[in-house]
Every structure is written in C-alpha cells, then in structure tokens.
Amino acid sequence: MLWSMNTKIGFTSEHIFSLIFSLFSDCKQPLGMENGLVKDDMITASSSYFGTYQSYHARLHSTVDEGGWCAKYNDMQQYLEVSNSC
C-alpha cells in the first residue's frame, strides 16, 4: 500500500493531495495519481457515493464526472487507499 487515509464525506482531491504533499514533502517525484502511473484498479475506497464519485476519481485535477471521490457514508470508517501493486 502506498498510502491510506480516513476522510469524511465530501473531501475533494485537492484536500487529499494537500495532506499527502505535507506527509511526503521530501519526495520530489510525482506519486502517479495525476499522470496515470497509478492505475484505476490500484485506487480503492471503503465506499463510493453513486457511480460518479468512484475511488479512481480522486486523482489530482480530475475532471471525470464530478471530479472527485465521495464516500457513501459519513462516518470514521471511510477510507481511500492507493496500492503500489495490483
């Protein structure tokens, strides 16, 4: 797993990547979420609110459908996970 986080419903990819950047501030190379190195099937979530808010929509600067991931439930059990292997 590359990283995993819990989030509340309604976080945009900008919020998520701001947090990730602060966690990996020494990393100078892109992680692959924006440029597609991280494939869609490597991005999973605890749940998704309808089809337009799937986990793979959590990419930085995503404009697909609504442009972000949104959990189906508003509780502390929700997460977005990016794996470094399929």
C-alpha atoms as a PDB file:
ATOM      1  CA  MET A   1       0.000   0.000   0.000  1.00  0.00           C
ATOM      2  CA  LEU A   2       1.355   3.393  -0.974  1.00  0.00           C
ATOM      3  CA  TRP A   3      -0.909   5.327   1.392  1.00  0.00           C
ATOM      4  CA  SER A   4      -4.254   5.106   3.071  1.00  0.00           C
ATOM      5  CA  MET A   5      -6.348   7.651   4.905  1.00  0.00           C
ATOM      6  CA  ASN A   6      -9.687   8.081   6.611  1.00  0.00           C
ATOM      7  CA  THR A   7     -11.774  11.000   5.479  1.00  0.00           C
ATOM      8  CA  LYS A   8     -15.224  12.442   5.938  1.00  0.00           C
ATOM      9  CA  ILE A   9     -17.696  12.557   3.084  1.00  0.00           C
ATOM     10  CA  GLY A  10     -17.166  15.370   0.625  1.00  0.00           C
ATOM     11  CA  PHE A  11     -13.369  15.795   0.587  1.00  0.00           C
ATOM     12  CA  THR A  12     -12.078  16.830  -2.822  1.00  0.00           C
ATOM     13  CA  SER A  13      -8.902  15.560  -4.426  1.00  0.00           C
ATOM     14  CA  GLU A  14      -7.321  18.957  -3.673  1.00  0.00           C
ATOM     15  CA  HIS A  15      -7.839  18.418   0.085  1.00  0.00           C
ATOM     16  CA  ILE A  16      -6.481  14.880  -0.066  1.00  0.00           C
ATOM     17  CA  PHE A  17      -3.390  15.794  -2.064  1.00  0.00           C
ATOM     18  CA  SER A  18      -2.617  18.773   0.164  1.00  0.00           C
ATOM     19  CA  LEU A  19      -2.436  16.349   3.065  1.00  0.00           C
ATOM     20  CA  ILE A  20      -0.391  13.829   1.090  1.00  0.00           C
ATOM     21  CA  PHE A  21       2.047  16.516  -0.038  1.00  0.00           C
ATOM     22  CA  SER A  22       2.607  17.555   3.567  1.00  0.00           C
ATOM     23  CA  LEU A  23       3.249  13.907   4.534  1.00  0.00           C
ATOM     24  CA  PHE A  24       5.697  13.356   1.656  1.00  0.00           C
ATOM     25  CA  SER A  25       7.252  16.829   1.472  1.00  0.00           C
ATOM     26  CA  ASP A  26      10.731  15.323   0.977  1.00  0.00           C
ATOM     27  CA  CYS A  27       9.525  13.422  -2.083  1.00  0.00           C
ATOM     28  CA  LYS A  28      10.349  15.362  -5.242  1.00  0.00           C
ATOM     29  CA  GLN A  29       8.851  12.919  -7.761  1.00  0.00           C
ATOM     30  CA  PRO A  30       5.137  12.668  -8.625  1.00  0.00           C
ATOM     31  CA  LEU A  31       3.381   9.742  -6.950  1.00  0.00           C
ATOM     32  CA  GLY A  32       1.460   8.957 -10.135  1.00  0.00           C
ATOM     33  CA  MET A  33      -2.069   9.949  -9.171  1.00  0.00           C
ATOM     34  CA  GLU A  34      -2.313  12.794 -11.685  1.00  0.00           C
ATOM     35  CA  ASN A  35      -0.263  11.418 -14.559  1.00  0.00           C
ATOM     36  CA  GLY A  36      -1.813   7.922 -14.552  1.00  0.00           C
ATOM     37  CA  LEU A  37       1.173   5.894 -13.293  1.00  0.00           C
ATOM     38  CA  VAL A  38      -1.175   4.757 -10.538  1.00  0.00           C
ATOM     39  CA  LYS A  39      -3.814   2.754 -12.427  1.00  0.00           C
ATOM     40  CA  ASP A  40      -7.536   2.952 -11.626  1.00  0.00           C
ATOM     41  CA  ASP A  41      -7.598  -0.556 -10.137  1.00  0.00           C
ATOM     42  CA  MET A  42      -4.865   0.460  -7.664  1.00  0.00           C
ATOM     43  CA  ILE A  43      -7.199   3.065  -6.087  1.00  0.00           C
ATOM     44  CA  THR A  44      -9.838   1.615  -3.773  1.00  0.00           C
ATOM     45  CA  ALA A  45     -12.226   3.020  -1.194  1.00  0.00           C
ATOM     46  CA  SER A  46     -14.443   1.789   1.593  1.00  0.00           C
ATOM     47  CA  SER A  47     -17.485   3.024  -0.328  1.00  0.00           C
ATOM     48  CA  SER A  48     -18.487   5.437  -3.076  1.00  0.00           C
ATOM     49  CA  TYR A  49     -21.472   7.760  -3.290  1.00  0.00           C
ATOM     50  CA  PHE A  50     -23.069   6.763  -6.615  1.00  0.00           C
ATOM     51  CA  GLY A  51     -21.131   5.914  -9.760  1.00  0.00           C
ATOM     52  CA  THR A  52     -19.854   9.421 -10.416  1.00  0.00           C
ATOM     53  CA  TYR A  53     -17.797   9.504  -7.202  1.00  0.00           C
ATOM     54  CA  GLN A  54     -15.723   6.319  -7.589  1.00  0.00           C
ATOM     55  CA  SER A  55     -12.345   5.973  -5.881  1.00  0.00           C
ATOM     56  CA  TYR A  56     -10.370   6.441  -9.097  1.00  0.00           C
ATOM     57  CA  HIS A  57     -11.930   9.897  -9.486  1.00  0.00           C
ATOM     58  CA  ALA A  58      -9.770  11.029  -6.547  1.00  0.00           C
ATOM     59  CA  ARG A  59      -6.945  11.921  -8.920  1.00  0.00           C
ATOM     60  CA  LEU A  60      -5.399  15.368  -8.691  1.00  0.00           C
ATOM     61  CA  HIS A  61      -7.105  17.804 -11.108  1.00  0.00           C
ATOM     62  CA  SER A  62      -9.633  15.147 -12.104  1.00  0.00           C
ATOM     63  CA  THR A  63     -12.453  16.389 -14.315  1.00  0.00           C
ATOM     64  CA  VAL A  64     -14.094  12.994 -14.862  1.00  0.00           C
ATOM     65  CA  ASP A  65     -17.796  13.122 -13.927  1.00  0.00           C
ATOM     66  CA  GLU A  66     -17.955  15.201 -10.726  1.00  0.00           C
ATOM     67  CA  GLY A  67     -14.160  15.371 -10.369  1.00  0.00           C
ATOM     68  CA  GLY A  68     -13.595  13.647  -7.022  1.00  0.00           C
ATOM     69  CA  TRP A  69     -14.216  10.697  -4.745  1.00  0.00           C
ATOM     70  CA  CYS A  70     -17.005  10.884  -2.188  1.00  0.00           C
ATOM     71  CA  ALA A  71     -17.765   8.234   0.426  1.00  0.00           C
ATOM     72  CA  LYS A  72     -21.286   6.829   0.613  1.00  0.00           C
ATOM     73  CA  TYR A  73     -21.386   7.071   4.420  1.00  0.00           C
ATOM     74  CA  ASN A  74     -20.412   9.929   6.716  1.00  0.00           C
ATOM     75  CA  ASP A  75     -18.503   8.063   9.405  1.00  0.00           C
ATOM     76  CA  MET A  76     -14.917   7.452  10.532  1.00  0.00           C
ATOM     77  CA  GLN A  77     -14.783   4.038   8.806  1.00  0.00           C
ATOM     78  CA  GLN A  78     -14.440   5.537   5.311  1.00  0.00           C
ATOM     79  CA  TYR A  79     -11.077   5.447   3.565  1.00  0.00           C
ATOM     80  CA  LEU A  80      -9.319   5.928   0.261  1.00  0.00           C
ATOM     81  CA  GLU A  81      -6.393   3.601  -0.427  1.00  0.00           C
ATOM     82  CA  VAL A  82      -3.745   3.588  -3.140  1.00  0.00           C
ATOM     83  CA  SER A  83      -1.818   0.365  -3.599  1.00  0.00           C
ATOM     84  CA  ASN A  84       1.617   0.086  -5.126  1.00  0.00           C
ATOM     85  CA  SER A  85       0.733  -3.300  -6.638  1.00  0.00           C
ATOM     86  CA  CYS A  86      -2.346  -4.780  -8.359  1.00  0.00           C
END
